[in-house]
Every structure is written in structure tokens, then in C-alpha cells.
Amino acid sequence: MQEEAKVHTRYRVYEGVGVPPPVNPGPRRKWGDLPLESVAVGDLIEMPMDKEGVDALISSIRSYVYRVSRRTSRKFTVRKTGYGIGIWRVA
């Protein structure tokens, strides 16, 4: 006696459907209002704040500026200054 193979369909494939719309476009860009794409070489973006604010925010600002520099092929430097944080475009 020969047994018949049972076929269980666990999934379906649809062709030509396209990509689903994004449900969540990602986190809000916290520093997205900084005009990093529009500053010229030698320009300074000044962010005045107290020392506690500098210590709390400098790491996240440096990370954001680094990501923008990788994406735009521009070089920036972020420094603590007497007035807060300075972002210079160097190349």
C-alpha cells in the first residue's frame, strides 16, 4: 500500500506586490535643525549653554555631527568652549 504525501502550505508567495509603506520612519532627529549641510569651510556653529549642559550634550552632538560628516563627506570638529559648544567645518 502506497501512502500519499501530505502537502501542508505554511506560506504563500505573491509576486509584484511592492514594498510595504514604512510603519515607523525612525526616531526623530534630535539635532536635525543644526545647519551642518549649509555651512562653508571655516564657519562656526555656536551653541551657547552652561558647563552642565555641555557635559550632558557634547557626546550626543559629536555622534550626530560624525554621522552627518560620513553621509555628506564633509569634515567637522566639535569642541567645548568658554561659551558652550562650537562646531567648526574644517573641510
Protein backbone atom coordinates (compact mmCIF):
# COMPACT_ATOMS: atom_id res chain seq x y z
CA MET A 1 0.00 0.00 0.00
CA GLN A 2 1.44 3.30 -1.03
CA GLU A 3 0.97 6.37 1.22
CA GLU A 4 0.17 9.71 -0.31
CA ALA A 5 2.41 12.62 0.60
CA LYS A 6 0.56 15.27 2.53
CA VAL A 7 1.30 18.81 1.42
CA HIS A 8 0.98 21.49 4.08
CA THR A 9 1.21 25.03 2.82
CA ARG A 10 2.79 27.15 5.52
CA TYR A 11 3.33 30.26 3.41
CA ARG A 12 2.28 31.95 0.20
CA VAL A 13 4.36 33.95 -2.25
CA TYR A 14 2.91 36.98 -4.02
CA GLU A 15 4.92 38.49 -6.85
CA GLY A 16 4.94 42.12 -7.90
CA VAL A 17 3.33 43.45 -4.73
CA GLY A 18 5.96 46.09 -3.95
CA VAL A 19 7.42 47.26 -0.67
CA PRO A 20 5.17 47.96 2.31
CA PRO A 21 4.90 51.57 3.47
CA PRO A 22 7.04 52.40 6.50
CA VAL A 23 5.18 51.97 9.75
CA ASN A 24 7.69 53.91 11.79
CA PRO A 25 10.05 56.17 9.82
CA GLY A 26 12.56 56.07 12.67
CA PRO A 27 13.39 58.23 15.64
CA ARG A 28 13.10 61.99 15.45
CA ARG A 29 16.41 63.67 14.67
CA LYS A 30 17.26 65.49 17.86
CA TRP A 31 19.90 67.72 16.28
CA GLY A 32 18.35 67.86 12.81
CA ASP A 33 17.88 71.62 12.99
CA LEU A 34 21.65 72.23 13.00
CA PRO A 35 22.59 73.68 9.58
CA LEU A 36 25.53 71.32 9.02
CA GLU A 37 24.81 70.84 5.31
CA SER A 38 24.82 74.58 4.58
CA VAL A 39 27.88 75.89 6.45
CA ALA A 40 31.02 76.70 4.49
CA VAL A 41 34.58 75.72 5.36
CA GLY A 42 35.77 77.87 8.25
CA ASP A 43 32.26 78.64 9.54
CA LEU A 44 31.29 78.13 13.19
CA ILE A 45 28.01 76.96 14.67
CA GLU A 46 27.83 78.23 18.24
CA MET A 47 25.65 76.53 20.83
CA PRO A 48 25.72 78.67 23.99
CA MET A 49 24.98 76.77 27.23
CA ASP A 50 26.32 76.32 30.73
CA LYS A 51 29.02 73.79 31.71
CA GLU A 52 26.49 71.23 32.95
CA GLY A 53 24.63 71.40 29.63
CA VAL A 54 27.89 70.98 27.73
CA ASP A 55 28.86 67.92 29.75
CA ALA A 56 25.41 66.38 29.24
CA LEU A 57 25.12 67.02 25.49
CA ILE A 58 28.60 67.05 23.94
CA SER A 59 28.71 63.30 23.36
CA SER A 60 25.39 63.13 21.51
CA ILE A 61 26.25 66.22 19.44
CA ARG A 62 29.61 64.73 18.47
CA SER A 63 27.91 61.50 17.43
CA TYR A 64 25.34 63.33 15.32
CA VAL A 65 27.98 65.52 13.65
CA TYR A 66 30.07 62.42 12.91
CA ARG A 67 27.10 60.69 11.22
CA VAL A 68 26.38 63.79 9.12
CA SER A 69 30.06 64.06 8.14
CA ARG A 70 30.08 60.44 6.97
CA ARG A 71 26.91 60.97 4.95
CA THR A 72 27.97 64.28 3.35
CA SER A 73 31.76 63.75 3.04
CA ARG A 74 32.40 66.96 4.99
CA LYS A 75 34.70 67.25 7.97
CA PHE A 76 33.73 68.95 11.23
CA THR A 77 35.28 69.42 14.64
CA VAL A 78 33.26 69.74 17.85
CA ARG A 79 34.88 71.48 20.81
CA LYS A 80 33.99 72.65 24.29
CA THR A 81 34.47 76.40 24.51
CA GLY A 82 34.01 79.13 27.10
CA TYR A 83 30.50 79.88 25.82
CA GLY A 84 29.29 76.28 25.35
CA ILE A 85 29.83 74.06 22.31
CA GLY A 86 31.35 75.07 18.99
CA ILE A 87 31.06 73.14 15.72
CA TRP A 88 33.54 74.16 13.01
CA ARG A 89 33.55 72.92 9.44
CA VAL A 90 37.18 72.23 8.59
CA ALA A 91 36.92 70.59 5.15
